[in-house]
C-alpha atoms as a PDB file:
ATOM      1  CA  MET A   1     128.805 -64.443  78.901  1.00  0.00           C
ATOM      2  CA  ASN A   2     128.497 -65.765  75.641  1.00  0.00           C
ATOM      3  CA  LYS A   3     125.564 -66.405  73.941  1.00  0.00           C
ATOM      4  CA  GLN A   4     124.586 -69.744  72.493  1.00  0.00           C
ATOM      5  CA  ASN A   5     122.333 -70.375  69.441  1.00  0.00           C
ATOM      6  CA  ILE A   6     120.468 -73.463  69.997  1.00  0.00           C
ATOM      7  CA  SER A   7     119.091 -74.507  66.325  1.00  0.00           C
ATOM      8  CA  GLU A   8     116.015 -76.881  66.337  1.00  0.00           C
ATOM      9  CA  SER A   9     118.615 -79.934  65.532  1.00  0.00           C
ATOM     10  CA  ASN A  10     120.127 -79.395  69.029  1.00  0.00           C
ATOM     11  CA  VAL A  11     115.988 -79.280  70.704  1.00  0.00           C
ATOM     12  CA  SER A  12     114.617 -82.388  71.810  1.00  0.00           C
ATOM     13  CA  GLN A  13     111.685 -83.154  70.117  1.00  0.00           C
ATOM     14  CA  PRO A  14     108.736 -85.590  71.300  1.00  0.00           C
ATOM     15  CA  ALA A  15     109.070 -89.040  69.745  1.00  0.00           C
ATOM     16  CA  SER A  16     106.053 -89.439  66.867  1.00  0.00           C
ATOM     17  CA  SER A  17     103.730 -92.300  67.564  1.00  0.00           C
ATOM     18  CA  ARG A  18     102.137 -94.141  64.999  1.00  0.00           C
ATOM     19  CA  LEU A  19      98.961 -94.312  64.367  1.00  0.00           C
ATOM     20  CA  GLN A  20      96.752 -96.669  62.558  1.00  0.00           C
ATOM     21  CA  ILE A  21      92.821 -96.356  61.892  1.00  0.00           C
ATOM     22  CA  GLU A  22      90.604 -99.528  62.021  1.00  0.00           C
ATOM     23  CA  ARG A  23      87.246-100.579  61.881  1.00  0.00           C
ATOM     24  CA  ARG A  24      86.173-102.754  64.864  1.00  0.00           C
ATOM     25  CA  SER A  25      82.798-105.017  66.069  1.00  0.00           C
ATOM     26  CA  ILE A  26      81.755-103.640  68.899  1.00  0.00           C
ATOM     27  CA  PRO A  27      79.097-106.216  70.379  1.00  0.00           C
ATOM     28  CA  TYR A  28      76.242-104.558  72.294  1.00  0.00           C
ATOM     29  CA  VAL A  29      73.012-106.469  73.942  1.00  0.00           C
ATOM     30  CA  ILE A  30      68.723-104.472  73.287  1.00  0.00           C
ATOM     31  CA  ASN A  31      66.533-106.157  75.227  1.00  0.00           C
ATOM     32  CA  GLY A  32      68.267-109.066  75.867  1.00  0.00           C
ATOM     33  CA  LYS A  33      69.152-109.738  72.064  1.00  0.00           C
ATOM     34  CA  SER A  34      73.395-109.556  71.482  1.00  0.00           C
ATOM     35  CA  ASN A  35      73.754-107.364  68.234  1.00  0.00           C
ATOM     36  CA  THR A  36      77.360-105.459  66.928  1.00  0.00           C
ATOM     37  CA  CYS A  37      78.033-102.781  64.882  1.00  0.00           C
ATOM     38  CA  GLU A  38      81.137-101.066  63.027  1.00  0.00           C
ATOM     39  CA  GLN A  39      82.999 -98.402  63.970  1.00  0.00           C
ATOM     40  CA  SER A  40      86.842 -97.040  63.299  1.00  0.00           C
ATOM     41  CA  GLU A  41      89.129 -96.860  65.770  1.00  0.00           C
ATOM     42  CA  PHE A  42      92.396 -94.853  66.145  1.00  0.00           C
ATOM     43  CA  ILE A  43      94.763 -97.535  67.441  1.00  0.00           C
ATOM     44  CA  VAL A  44      98.448 -95.278  68.684  1.00  0.00           C
ATOM     45  CA  ASP A  45     101.642 -97.552  69.115  1.00  0.00           C
ATOM     46  CA  GLY A  46      99.344-100.643  69.338  1.00  0.00           C
ATOM     47  CA  GLN A  47      97.260 -99.259  71.805  1.00  0.00           C
ATOM     48  CA  PRO A  48      93.503 -98.350  70.716  1.00  0.00           C
ATOM     49  CA  LEU A  49      92.830 -94.779  72.144  1.00  0.00           C
ATOM     50  CA  SER A  50      89.358 -95.559  73.364  1.00  0.00           C
ATOM     51  CA  THR A  51      90.969 -97.946  75.612  1.00  0.00           C
ATOM     52  CA  VAL A  52      93.712 -95.196  77.083  1.00  0.00           C
ATOM     53  CA  LEU A  53      90.697 -92.544  77.350  1.00  0.00           C
ATOM     54  CA  GLY A  54      88.932 -95.194  79.633  1.00  0.00           C
ATOM     55  CA  PHE A  55      85.273 -94.705  77.470  1.00  0.00           C
ATOM     56  CA  ALA A  56      85.717 -98.098  75.245  1.00  0.00           C
ATOM     57  CA  GLY A  57      82.963 -99.872  77.659  1.00  0.00           C
ATOM     58  CA  SER A  58      80.915 -96.712  76.629  1.00  0.00           C
ATOM     59  CA  ARG A  59      81.142 -98.383  72.737  1.00  0.00           C
ATOM     60  CA  PRO A  60      78.808 -98.154  70.731  1.00  0.00           C
ATOM     61  CA  TRP A  61      77.779 -95.271  72.164  1.00  0.00           C
ATOM     62  CA  PHE A  62      80.197 -93.127  72.891  1.00  0.00           C
ATOM     63  CA  GLY A  63      82.624 -93.383  70.179  1.00  0.00           C
ATOM     64  CA  MET A  64      81.482 -92.514  66.884  1.00  0.00           C
ATOM     65  CA  THR A  65      84.546 -91.156  64.600  1.00  0.00           C
ATOM     66  CA  PHE A  66      84.294 -88.878  62.024  1.00  0.00           C
ATOM     67  CA  LEU A  67      85.327 -91.933  59.945  1.00  0.00           C
ATOM     68  CA  ASP A  68      82.059 -93.459  60.605  1.00  0.00           C
ATOM     69  CA  SER A  69      79.563 -90.929  59.073  1.00  0.00           C
ATOM     70  CA  VAL A  70      78.098 -90.628  55.556  1.00  0.00           C
ATOM     71  CA  LYS A  71      81.313 -89.986  52.940  1.00  0.00           C
ATOM     72  CA  THR A  72      79.968 -86.486  51.984  1.00  0.00           C
ATOM     73  CA  ALA A  73      80.106 -85.496  56.337  1.00  0.00           C
ATOM     74  CA  ARG A  74      83.151 -87.735  56.486  1.00  0.00           C
ATOM     75  CA  GLU A  75      85.161 -85.764  53.901  1.00  0.00           C
ATOM     76  CA  ASN A  76      84.348 -82.387  54.988  1.00  0.00           C
ATOM     77  CA  GLN A  77      85.783 -83.015  58.453  1.00  0.00           C
ATOM     78  CA  LEU A  78      89.130 -85.102  56.602  1.00  0.00           C
ATOM     79  CA  GLN A  79      90.543 -81.674  55.814  1.00  0.00           C
ATOM     80  CA  GLY A  80      90.756 -80.514  59.747  1.00  0.00           C
ATOM     81  CA  PHE A  81      91.780 -83.703  59.845  1.00  0.00           C
ATOM     82  CA  LEU A  82      94.647 -83.736  57.746  1.00  0.00           C
ATOM     83  CA  GLY A  83      95.409 -80.384  59.321  1.00  0.00           C
ATOM     84  CA  LEU A  84      94.326 -78.520  55.885  1.00  0.00           C
ATOM     85  CA  CYS A  85      91.835 -76.253  57.566  1.00  0.00           C
ATOM     86  CA  VAL A  86      90.611 -74.911  61.591  1.00  0.00           C
ATOM     87  CA  PRO A  87      88.596 -78.093  62.373  1.00  0.00           C
ATOM     88  CA  PHE A  88      84.905 -77.638  62.445  1.00  0.00           C
ATOM     89  CA  ASN A  89      82.879 -78.789  65.757  1.00  0.00           C
ATOM     90  CA  GLN A  90      79.363 -77.590  66.745  1.00  0.00           C
ATOM     91  CA  PHE A  91      80.739 -75.574  69.356  1.00  0.00           C
ATOM     92  CA  GLY A  92      83.229 -73.475  67.368  1.00  0.00           C
ATOM     93  CA  SER A  93      85.883 -73.809  69.269  1.00  0.00           C
ATOM     94  CA  GLY A  94      87.918 -75.114  66.258  1.00  0.00           C
ATOM     95  CA  ARG A  95      88.789 -78.244  67.805  1.00  0.00           C
ATOM     96  CA  PHE A  96      88.642 -81.626  65.982  1.00  0.00           C
ATOM     97  CA  VAL A  97      86.257 -84.003  67.457  1.00  0.00           C
ATOM     98  CA  LEU A  98      87.759 -87.329  67.698  1.00  0.00           C
ATOM     99  CA  TYR A  99      84.698 -89.209  69.415  1.00  0.00           C
ATOM    100  CA  ARG A 100      81.110 -88.406  69.830  1.00  0.00           C
ATOM    101  CA  CYS A 101      78.257 -90.048  70.527  1.00  0.00           C
ATOM    102  CA  HIS A 102      76.334 -92.476  67.912  1.00  0.00           C
ATOM    103  CA  CYS A 103      73.829 -90.098  67.577  1.00  0.00           C
ATOM    104  CA  GLY A 104      75.905 -87.850  65.677  1.00  0.00           C
ATOM    105  CA  SER A 105      75.878 -84.376  68.292  1.00  0.00           C
ATOM    106  CA  ASP A 106      78.480 -82.867  69.659  1.00  0.00           C
ATOM    107  CA  TYR A 107      75.676 -81.479  72.381  1.00  0.00           C
ATOM    108  CA  CYS A 108      76.003 -84.705  74.208  1.00  0.00           C
ATOM    109  CA  GLY A 109      79.780 -84.436  74.407  1.00  0.00           C
ATOM    110  CA  VAL A 110      82.921 -85.388  72.489  1.00  0.00           C
ATOM    111  CA  ILE A 111      86.282 -86.095  72.976  1.00  0.00           C
ATOM    112  CA  SER A 112      88.406 -83.632  71.107  1.00  0.00           C
ATOM    113  CA  CYS A 113      91.921 -82.025  70.240  1.00  0.00           C
ATOM    114  CA  GLU A 114      93.480 -78.824  69.569  1.00  0.00           C
ATOM    115  CA  LEU A 115      95.222 -80.550  65.712  1.00  0.00           C
ATOM    116  CA  ASN A 116      98.003 -79.035  64.460  1.00  0.00           C
ATOM    117  CA  VAL A 117     100.754 -79.509  61.305  1.00  0.00           C
ATOM    118  CA  GLU A 118     104.214 -78.566  62.686  1.00  0.00           C
ATOM    119  CA  GLY A 119     106.295 -78.931  60.218  1.00  0.00           C
ATOM    120  CA  ASP A 120     106.275 -82.750  59.192  1.00  0.00           C
ATOM    121  CA  ARG A 121     104.642 -83.902  62.550  1.00  0.00           C
ATOM    122  CA  VAL A 122     101.052 -83.789  63.207  1.00  0.00           C
ATOM    123  CA  CYS A 123     100.172 -82.847  66.929  1.00  0.00           C
ATOM    124  CA  TRP A 124      96.723 -83.829  68.715  1.00  0.00           C
ATOM    125  CA  ARG A 125      97.013 -81.145  71.676  1.00  0.00           C
ATOM    126  CA  ASP A 126      95.515 -81.661  74.750  1.00  0.00           C
ATOM    127  CA  ILE A 127      93.164 -84.505  74.402  1.00  0.00           C
ATOM    128  CA  ARG A 128      90.188 -84.496  76.668  1.00  0.00           C
ATOM    129  CA  TYR A 129      86.466 -84.021  77.065  1.00  0.00           C
ATOM    130  CA  GLU A 130      84.350 -81.048  75.647  1.00  0.00           C
ATOM    131  CA  THR A 131      81.232 -80.226  76.285  1.00  0.00           C
ATOM    132  CA  ASP A 132      78.981 -77.669  75.396  1.00  0.00           C
ATOM    133  CA  PRO A 133      80.992 -74.685  77.007  1.00  0.00           C
ATOM    134  CA  GLU A 134      77.273 -72.755  78.180  1.00  0.00           C
ATOM    135  CA  GLU A 135      75.824 -76.284  79.811  1.00  0.00           C
ATOM    136  CA  ALA A 136      80.066 -76.755  81.791  1.00  0.00           C
ATOM    137  CA  GLU A 137      79.197 -73.203  83.653  1.00  0.00           C
ATOM    138  CA  ASP A 138      75.560 -74.175  84.684  1.00  0.00           C
ATOM    139  CA  THR A 139      77.115 -77.276  86.627  1.00  0.00           C
ATOM    140  CA  ASP A 140      79.458 -78.107  89.492  1.00  0.00           C
ATOM    141  CA  ASP A 141      79.927 -81.515  88.581  1.00  0.00           C
ATOM    142  CA  ASP A 142      83.157 -82.699  86.605  1.00  0.00           C
ATOM    143  CA  ASP A 143      81.786 -85.760  84.135  1.00  0.00           C
ATOM    144  CA  ASP A 144      84.228 -88.624  85.250  1.00  0.00           C
ATOM    145  CA  ARG A 145      85.984 -88.490  80.988  1.00  0.00           C
ATOM    146  CA  ILE A 146      87.257 -85.058  81.829  1.00  0.00           C
ATOM    147  CA  SER A 147      89.926 -87.289  84.113  1.00  0.00           C
ATOM    148  CA  HIS A 148      91.223 -88.574  81.494  1.00  0.00           C
ATOM    149  CA  VAL A 149      93.250 -86.345  79.373  1.00  0.00           C
ATOM    150  CA  ILE A 150      96.922 -86.077  77.255  1.00  0.00           C
ATOM    151  CA  SER A 151      98.419 -83.671  76.807  1.00  0.00           C
ATOM    152  CA  ASP A 152     100.263 -84.149  73.739  1.00  0.00           C
ATOM    153  CA  LEU A 153     100.707 -86.879  70.954  1.00  0.00           C
ATOM    154  CA  TYR A 154     103.196 -85.969  67.656  1.00  0.00           C
ATOM    155  CA  PHE A 155     102.837 -88.432  64.618  1.00  0.00           C
ATOM    156  CA  ASP A 156     105.193 -88.349  61.231  1.00  0.00           C
ATOM    157  CA  LEU A 157     103.100 -86.471  59.180  1.00  0.00           C
ATOM    158  CA  ALA A 158     104.014 -88.438  55.869  1.00  0.00           C
ATOM    159  CA  GLN A 159     102.943 -91.860  57.943  1.00  0.00           C
ATOM    160  CA  TYR A 160      99.765 -90.218  59.531  1.00  0.00           C
ATOM    161  CA  ARG A 161      98.196 -89.654  55.737  1.00  0.00           C
ATOM    162  CA  ALA A 162      99.550 -92.784  54.440  1.00  0.00           C
ATOM    163  CA  SER A 163      97.109 -94.268  56.871  1.00  0.00           C
ATOM    164  CA  VAL A 164      93.948 -92.577  56.762  1.00  0.00           C
ATOM    165  CA  ASN A 165      94.292 -92.412  52.911  1.00  0.00           C
ATOM    166  CA  ASP A 166      94.920 -95.785  52.813  1.00  0.00           C
ATOM    167  CA  PHE A 167      92.082 -96.621  55.491  1.00  0.00           C
ATOM    168  CA  ILE A 168      89.141 -94.367  53.559  1.00  0.00           C
ATOM    169  CA  ALA A 169      90.240 -96.067  50.337  1.00  0.00           C
ATOM    170  CA  ALA A 170      89.942 -99.102  51.752  1.00  0.00           C
ATOM    171  CA  LEU A 171      86.896 -98.232  53.764  1.00  0.00           C
ATOM    172  CA  ASP A 172      85.567 -96.590  49.864  1.00  0.00           C
ATOM    173  CA  SER A 173      86.571-100.059  47.875  1.00  0.00           C
ATOM    174  CA  GLY A 174      83.851-101.601  50.262  1.00  0.00           C
ATOM    175  CA  ASP A 175      86.357-103.695  52.229  1.00  0.00           C
ATOM    176  CA  GLY A 176      86.157-102.574  55.245  1.00  0.00           C
ATOM    177  CA  ALA A 177      88.905-102.006  57.082  1.00  0.00           C
ATOM    178  CA  SER A 178      87.963-104.362  59.458  1.00  0.00           C
ATOM    179  CA  THR A 179      89.646-105.870  62.361  1.00  0.00           C
ATOM    180  CA  THR A 180      87.999-107.377  65.568  1.00  0.00           C
END
Protein backbone atom coordinates (compact mmCIF):
# COMPACT_ATOMS: atom_id res chain seq x y z
CA MET A 1 0.00 0.00 0.00
CA ASN A 2 1.42 3.38 -1.01
CA LYS A 3 1.15 6.32 1.32
CA GLN A 4 0.09 9.47 -0.41
CA ASN A 5 1.26 12.89 0.72
CA ILE A 6 -1.60 15.30 0.78
CA SER A 7 -0.48 18.88 0.48
CA GLU A 8 -2.64 21.84 1.43
CA SER A 9 -2.97 22.74 -2.24
CA ASN A 10 -4.77 19.43 -2.84
CA VAL A 11 -7.26 19.97 -0.01
CA SER A 12 -10.30 21.94 -1.03
CA GLN A 13 -10.90 25.00 1.14
CA PRO A 14 -14.34 26.51 1.63
CA ALA A 15 -14.93 29.52 -0.58
CA SER A 16 -14.18 32.93 0.89
CA SER A 17 -17.08 35.26 1.49
CA ARG A 18 -16.85 39.00 0.91
CA LEU A 19 -17.31 41.31 3.90
CA GLN A 20 -18.66 44.82 3.63
CA ILE A 21 -19.64 47.04 6.54
CA GLU A 22 -22.28 49.73 6.22
CA ARG A 23 -24.11 52.19 8.43
CA ARG A 24 -27.84 51.71 8.12
CA SER A 25 -30.74 53.92 9.19
CA ILE A 26 -32.99 51.79 11.35
CA PRO A 27 -36.58 53.06 11.71
CA TYR A 28 -38.46 52.56 14.97
CA VAL A 29 -41.52 53.98 16.73
CA ILE A 30 -41.86 55.09 20.37
CA ASN A 31 -45.19 56.36 21.66
CA GLY A 32 -46.48 56.70 18.11
CA LYS A 33 -43.54 58.88 17.03
CA SER A 34 -41.35 57.66 14.17
CA ASN A 35 -37.60 57.83 14.72
CA THR A 36 -34.42 56.47 13.16
CA CYS A 37 -31.04 55.56 14.51
CA GLU A 38 -27.82 54.57 12.79
CA GLN A 39 -26.32 51.12 13.33
CA SER A 40 -23.51 49.29 11.60
CA GLU A 41 -24.32 46.19 9.59
CA PHE A 42 -22.10 43.35 8.42
CA ILE A 43 -22.88 42.57 4.78
CA VAL A 44 -21.72 39.08 3.78
CA ASP A 45 -21.83 38.31 0.07
CA GLY A 46 -24.38 41.09 -0.42
CA GLN A 47 -26.73 39.95 2.38
CA PRO A 48 -27.14 41.78 5.73
CA LEU A 49 -26.05 39.32 8.43
CA SER A 50 -28.89 40.44 10.71
CA THR A 51 -31.36 39.32 8.03
CA VAL A 52 -29.60 35.98 7.49
CA LEU A 53 -29.61 35.36 11.26
CA GLY A 54 -33.27 36.34 11.50
CA PHE A 55 -33.23 39.26 13.92
CA ALA A 56 -33.36 42.28 11.57
CA GLY A 57 -36.86 43.06 12.86
CA SER A 58 -35.51 43.43 16.40
CA ARG A 59 -33.30 46.36 15.46
CA PRO A 60 -32.50 48.91 16.88
CA TRP A 61 -33.10 47.26 20.28
CA PHE A 62 -30.90 44.29 19.48
CA GLY A 63 -28.21 44.58 16.84
CA MET A 64 -25.59 47.04 18.04
CA THR A 65 -22.07 46.18 16.86
CA PHE A 66 -18.73 47.15 18.38
CA LEU A 67 -18.48 49.74 15.59
CA ASP A 68 -21.46 51.59 17.12
CA SER A 69 -19.61 52.08 20.42
CA VAL A 70 -17.69 55.16 21.49
CA LYS A 71 -14.26 55.37 19.88
CA THR A 72 -12.27 54.06 22.88
CA ALA A 73 -14.48 50.99 23.30
CA ARG A 74 -14.47 50.42 19.54
CA GLU A 75 -10.66 50.52 19.43
CA ASN A 76 -10.43 47.97 22.27
CA GLN A 77 -12.68 45.53 20.40
CA LEU A 78 -11.08 46.19 17.01
CA GLN A 79 -7.97 44.13 17.83
CA GLY A 80 -10.14 41.07 18.48
CA PHE A 81 -12.18 41.68 15.32
CA LEU A 82 -8.97 41.79 13.27
CA GLY A 83 -7.81 38.54 14.88
CA LEU A 84 -4.83 40.19 16.57
CA CYS A 85 -5.81 39.10 20.10
CA VAL A 86 -8.31 36.88 21.87
CA PRO A 87 -11.66 38.67 21.83
CA PHE A 88 -13.12 39.86 25.11
CA ASN A 89 -16.75 39.65 26.10
CA GLN A 90 -18.55 39.93 29.42
CA PHE A 91 -19.01 36.14 29.61
CA GLY A 92 -15.27 35.47 29.37
CA SER A 93 -15.91 32.89 26.61
CA GLY A 94 -13.28 34.26 24.21
CA ARG A 95 -15.95 34.57 21.50
CA PHE A 96 -16.26 37.78 19.47
CA VAL A 97 -19.56 39.64 19.94
CA LEU A 98 -20.93 40.53 16.51
CA TYR A 99 -24.26 41.95 17.77
CA ARG A 100 -25.55 42.91 21.21
CA CYS A 101 -28.38 44.77 22.90
CA HIS A 102 -28.52 48.53 22.40
CA CYS A 103 -27.78 48.95 26.13
CA GLY A 104 -24.28 47.52 25.58
CA SER A 105 -24.62 44.64 28.04
CA ASP A 106 -23.74 41.15 26.90
CA TYR A 107 -25.99 39.74 29.64
CA CYS A 108 -29.05 40.59 27.52
CA GLY A 109 -27.71 37.99 25.06
CA VAL A 110 -25.46 38.39 22.03
CA ILE A 111 -24.74 36.95 18.61
CA SER A 112 -21.11 35.83 18.79
CA CYS A 113 -18.55 33.66 17.02
CA GLU A 114 -15.15 32.12 17.43
CA LEU A 115 -12.92 34.42 15.38
CA ASN A 116 -9.58 33.13 14.12
CA VAL A 117 -7.01 34.10 11.52
CA GLU A 118 -6.00 30.99 9.61
CA GLY A 119 -3.16 31.84 7.24
CA ASP A 120 -4.47 34.39 4.75
CA ARG A 121 -8.09 33.98 5.83
CA VAL A 122 -10.31 35.05 8.71
CA CYS A 123 -12.80 32.49 10.00
CA TRP A 124 -15.98 33.25 11.92
CA ARG A 125 -16.88 29.85 13.36
CA ASP A 126 -20.06 28.76 15.17
CA ILE A 127 -22.01 32.01 14.72
CA ARG A 128 -24.88 31.78 17.21
CA TYR A 129 -26.82 33.30 20.07
CA GLU A 130 -24.88 33.31 23.35
CA THR A 131 -26.19 34.17 26.78
CA ASP A 132 -24.96 34.12 30.36
CA PRO A 133 -23.92 30.48 30.99
CA GLU A 134 -25.40 30.58 34.52
CA GLU A 135 -28.78 31.78 33.23
CA ALA A 136 -28.74 29.23 30.39
CA GLU A 137 -28.43 26.43 32.96
CA ASP A 138 -31.43 27.77 34.90
CA THR A 139 -33.90 27.52 32.03
CA ASP A 140 -35.31 24.74 29.91
CA ASP A 141 -36.56 27.20 27.29
CA ASP A 142 -34.45 27.70 24.19
CA ASP A 143 -34.32 31.26 22.90
CA ASP A 144 -35.70 31.49 19.35
CA ARG A 145 -32.44 33.03 18.16
CA ILE A 146 -30.53 29.84 19.00
CA SER A 147 -31.96 28.14 15.91
CA HIS A 148 -30.26 30.70 13.65
CA VAL A 149 -26.76 29.22 13.54
CA ILE A 150 -24.12 29.55 10.84
CA SER A 151 -21.28 27.06 11.16
CA ASP A 152 -18.39 28.85 9.41
CA LEU A 153 -17.74 31.92 7.30
CA TYR A 154 -14.34 32.49 5.72
CA PHE A 155 -13.02 35.83 4.47
CA ASP A 156 -9.88 36.75 2.56
CA LEU A 157 -7.69 38.45 5.19
CA ALA A 158 -6.58 41.35 2.98
CA GLN A 159 -10.14 42.12 1.78
CA TYR A 160 -11.50 41.77 5.35
CA ARG A 161 -8.96 44.18 6.85
CA ALA A 162 -9.37 46.65 3.98
CA SER A 163 -13.15 46.65 4.47
CA VAL A 164 -12.78 47.27 8.21
CA ASN A 165 -10.15 49.99 7.77
CA ASP A 166 -12.16 51.77 5.04
CA PHE A 167 -15.31 51.72 7.18
CA ILE A 168 -13.53 53.07 10.27
CA ALA A 169 -11.78 55.79 8.24
CA ALA A 170 -15.15 56.92 6.84
CA LEU A 171 -16.71 56.80 10.31
CA ASP A 172 -13.90 58.80 11.89
CA SER A 173 -13.92 61.38 9.08
CA GLY A 174 -17.56 62.13 9.80
CA ASP A 175 -18.66 60.61 6.49
CA GLY A 176 -20.53 57.99 8.53
CA ALA A 177 -20.25 55.37 5.79
CA SER A 178 -24.06 55.51 5.59
CA THR A 179 -26.25 53.67 3.19
CA THR A 180 -29.87 52.67 3.51
